[in-house]
C-alpha atoms as a PDB file:
ATOM      1  CA  MET A   1     -24.225 -12.690  22.492  1.00  0.00           C
ATOM      2  CA  GLU A   2     -21.990 -14.614  20.099  1.00  0.00           C
ATOM      3  CA  MET A   3     -19.186 -12.708  18.374  1.00  0.00           C
ATOM      4  CA  GLU A   4     -19.314 -12.625  14.575  1.00  0.00           C
ATOM      5  CA  MET A   5     -16.526 -14.718  13.036  1.00  0.00           C
ATOM      6  CA  GLU A   6     -14.862 -13.270   9.966  1.00  0.00           C
ATOM      7  CA  LYS A   7     -12.131 -14.771   7.830  1.00  0.00           C
ATOM      8  CA  CYS A   8      -8.968 -12.917   6.805  1.00  0.00           C
ATOM      9  CA  GLU A   9      -8.840 -12.756   3.023  1.00  0.00           C
ATOM     10  CA  VAL A  10      -5.060 -13.359   2.998  1.00  0.00           C
ATOM     11  CA  CYS A  11      -4.289 -16.003   5.635  1.00  0.00           C
ATOM     12  CA  LYS A  12      -7.861 -17.341   5.994  1.00  0.00           C
ATOM     13  CA  ASN A  13      -7.604 -17.155   9.789  1.00  0.00           C
ATOM     14  CA  GLU A  14     -11.038 -17.039  11.413  1.00  0.00           C
ATOM     15  CA  SER A  15     -11.037 -14.666  14.313  1.00  0.00           C
ATOM     16  CA  GLY A  16     -13.209 -12.335  16.294  1.00  0.00           C
ATOM     17  CA  ASN A  17     -10.362  -9.809  16.020  1.00  0.00           C
ATOM     18  CA  PHE A  18     -10.645  -8.451  12.502  1.00  0.00           C
ATOM     19  CA  PHE A  19     -10.815  -5.101  10.763  1.00  0.00           C
ATOM     20  CA  LYS A  20     -12.053  -3.934   7.406  1.00  0.00           C
ATOM     21  CA  ILE A  21     -10.549  -1.631   4.811  1.00  0.00           C
ATOM     22  CA  MET A  22     -12.530  -0.120   1.964  1.00  0.00           C
ATOM     23  CA  LYS A  23     -10.546   0.449  -1.233  1.00  0.00           C
ATOM     24  CA  SER A  24     -12.135   1.308  -4.577  1.00  0.00           C
ATOM     25  CA  ASP A  25     -15.615   0.539  -3.206  1.00  0.00           C
ATOM     26  CA  LYS A  26     -14.554  -2.994  -2.175  1.00  0.00           C
ATOM     27  CA  ILE A  27     -14.450  -4.062   1.476  1.00  0.00           C
ATOM     28  CA  HIS A  28     -11.421  -6.135   2.517  1.00  0.00           C
ATOM     29  CA  VAL A  29     -11.301  -8.124   5.796  1.00  0.00           C
ATOM     30  CA  PHE A  30      -8.014  -8.765   7.645  1.00  0.00           C
ATOM     31  CA  ASP A  31      -6.841 -10.063  10.991  1.00  0.00           C
ATOM     32  CA  SER A  32      -3.477  -8.233  10.958  1.00  0.00           C
ATOM     33  CA  PHE A  33      -1.754  -5.224   9.420  1.00  0.00           C
ATOM     34  CA  GLU A  34       0.721  -7.646   7.839  1.00  0.00           C
ATOM     35  CA  CYS A  35      -2.064  -9.281   5.824  1.00  0.00           C
ATOM     36  CA  ALA A  36      -3.570  -5.892   4.929  1.00  0.00           C
ATOM     37  CA  ILE A  37      -0.221  -4.631   3.622  1.00  0.00           C
ATOM     38  CA  HIS A  38       0.249  -7.795   1.595  1.00  0.00           C
ATOM     39  CA  ALA A  39      -3.179  -7.412   0.001  1.00  0.00           C
ATOM     40  CA  VAL A  40      -3.706  -3.690  -0.576  1.00  0.00           C
ATOM     41  CA  ALA A  41      -0.409  -1.765  -0.335  1.00  0.00           C
ATOM     42  CA  PRO A  42       0.889  -0.576  -3.711  1.00  0.00           C
ATOM     43  CA  ARG A  43       4.238  -1.804  -5.063  1.00  0.00           C
ATOM     44  CA  CYS A  44       7.161   0.399  -6.087  1.00  0.00           C
ATOM     45  CA  HIS A  45       7.336   0.664  -9.875  1.00  0.00           C
ATOM     46  CA  HIS A  46      11.135   0.142  -9.752  1.00  0.00           C
ATOM     47  CA  CYS A  47      12.001  -2.336  -6.950  1.00  0.00           C
ATOM     48  CA  GLN A  48       8.533  -3.861  -6.370  1.00  0.00           C
ATOM     49  CA  CYS A  49       8.659  -3.471  -2.558  1.00  0.00           C
ATOM     50  CA  ARG A  50       5.388  -2.754  -0.752  1.00  0.00           C
ATOM     51  CA  ILE A  51       4.883   0.938  -0.073  1.00  0.00           C
ATOM     52  CA  ILE A  52       3.494   1.453   3.415  1.00  0.00           C
ATOM     53  CA  GLY A  53       4.321   5.150   3.703  1.00  0.00           C
ATOM     54  CA  HIS A  54       3.696   8.132   1.440  1.00  0.00           C
ATOM     55  CA  GLY A  55       5.919   7.045  -1.425  1.00  0.00           C
ATOM     56  CA  VAL A  56       6.862   9.300  -4.334  1.00  0.00           C
ATOM     57  CA  GLU A  57       4.401   9.602  -7.184  1.00  0.00           C
ATOM     58  CA  GLY A  58       3.711  11.319 -10.442  1.00  0.00           C
ATOM     59  CA  ASP A  59       2.511  10.508 -13.941  1.00  0.00           C
ATOM     60  CA  ASN A  60       0.273   7.789 -12.409  1.00  0.00           C
ATOM     61  CA  THR A  61       3.372   5.893 -11.174  1.00  0.00           C
ATOM     62  CA  ILE A  62       4.423   5.353  -7.565  1.00  0.00           C
ATOM     63  CA  TYR A  63       7.894   4.652  -6.145  1.00  0.00           C
ATOM     64  CA  CYS A  64       8.953   3.847  -2.590  1.00  0.00           C
ATOM     65  CA  CYS A  65      11.728   6.477  -2.479  1.00  0.00           C
ATOM     66  CA  LEU A  66      13.689   9.041  -4.486  1.00  0.00           C
ATOM     67  CA  HIS A  67      16.462   6.505  -5.075  1.00  0.00           C
ATOM     68  CA  CYS A  68      14.063   4.350  -7.106  1.00  0.00           C
ATOM     69  CA  VAL A  69      12.795   7.415  -8.975  1.00  0.00           C
ATOM     70  CA  ARG A  70      16.387   8.270  -9.903  1.00  0.00           C
ATOM     71  CA  GLN A  71      17.119   4.656 -10.884  1.00  0.00           C
ATOM     72  CA  ALA A  72      14.123   4.781 -13.212  1.00  0.00           C
ATOM     73  CA  GLU A  73      15.514   8.077 -14.592  1.00  0.00           C
ATOM     74  CA  LYS A  74      12.314   9.997 -13.956  1.00  0.00           C
ATOM     75  CA  VAL A  75      12.157  13.745 -13.363  1.00  0.00           C
ATOM     76  CA  ASN A  76       9.492  16.126 -12.125  1.00  0.00           C
ATOM     77  CA  PHE A  77       8.122  13.662  -9.579  1.00  0.00           C
ATOM     78  CA  ARG A  78       7.003  14.921  -6.216  1.00  0.00           C
ATOM     79  CA  ASP A  79       6.668  13.621  -2.703  1.00  0.00           C
ATOM     80  CA  GLN A  80       3.048  13.736  -1.604  1.00  0.00           C
ATOM     81  CA  GLU A  81       3.937  16.376   0.956  1.00  0.00           C
ATOM     82  CA  LEU A  82       6.792  18.395  -0.598  1.00  0.00           C
ATOM     83  CA  PRO A  83       7.385  19.348  -4.255  1.00  0.00           C
ATOM     84  CA  LEU A  84      10.666  17.867  -5.519  1.00  0.00           C
ATOM     85  CA  LEU A  85      12.333  18.792  -8.779  1.00  0.00           C
ATOM     86  CA  PHE A  86      15.709  17.345  -9.638  1.00  0.00           C
ATOM     87  CA  ALA A  87      17.821  16.546 -12.683  1.00  0.00           C
END
């Protein structure tokens, strides 16, 4: 039985070792977590780094950390796990 060959949508590597991620009803194919992060991880609204953890979000905006929230002078944002209110 021949293994199906897929192509990573980021690096275009063809490999039998691939995985798929569904996001917004679209299927993405990758050969590494690095490529998946590059393609589908959100960016911090302040510093533009890729957010690979929970991040901090509110008002339809996501930040990588509270430092970036404070730099953007936003209040009433919350961590996805713990409510955070600060001035």
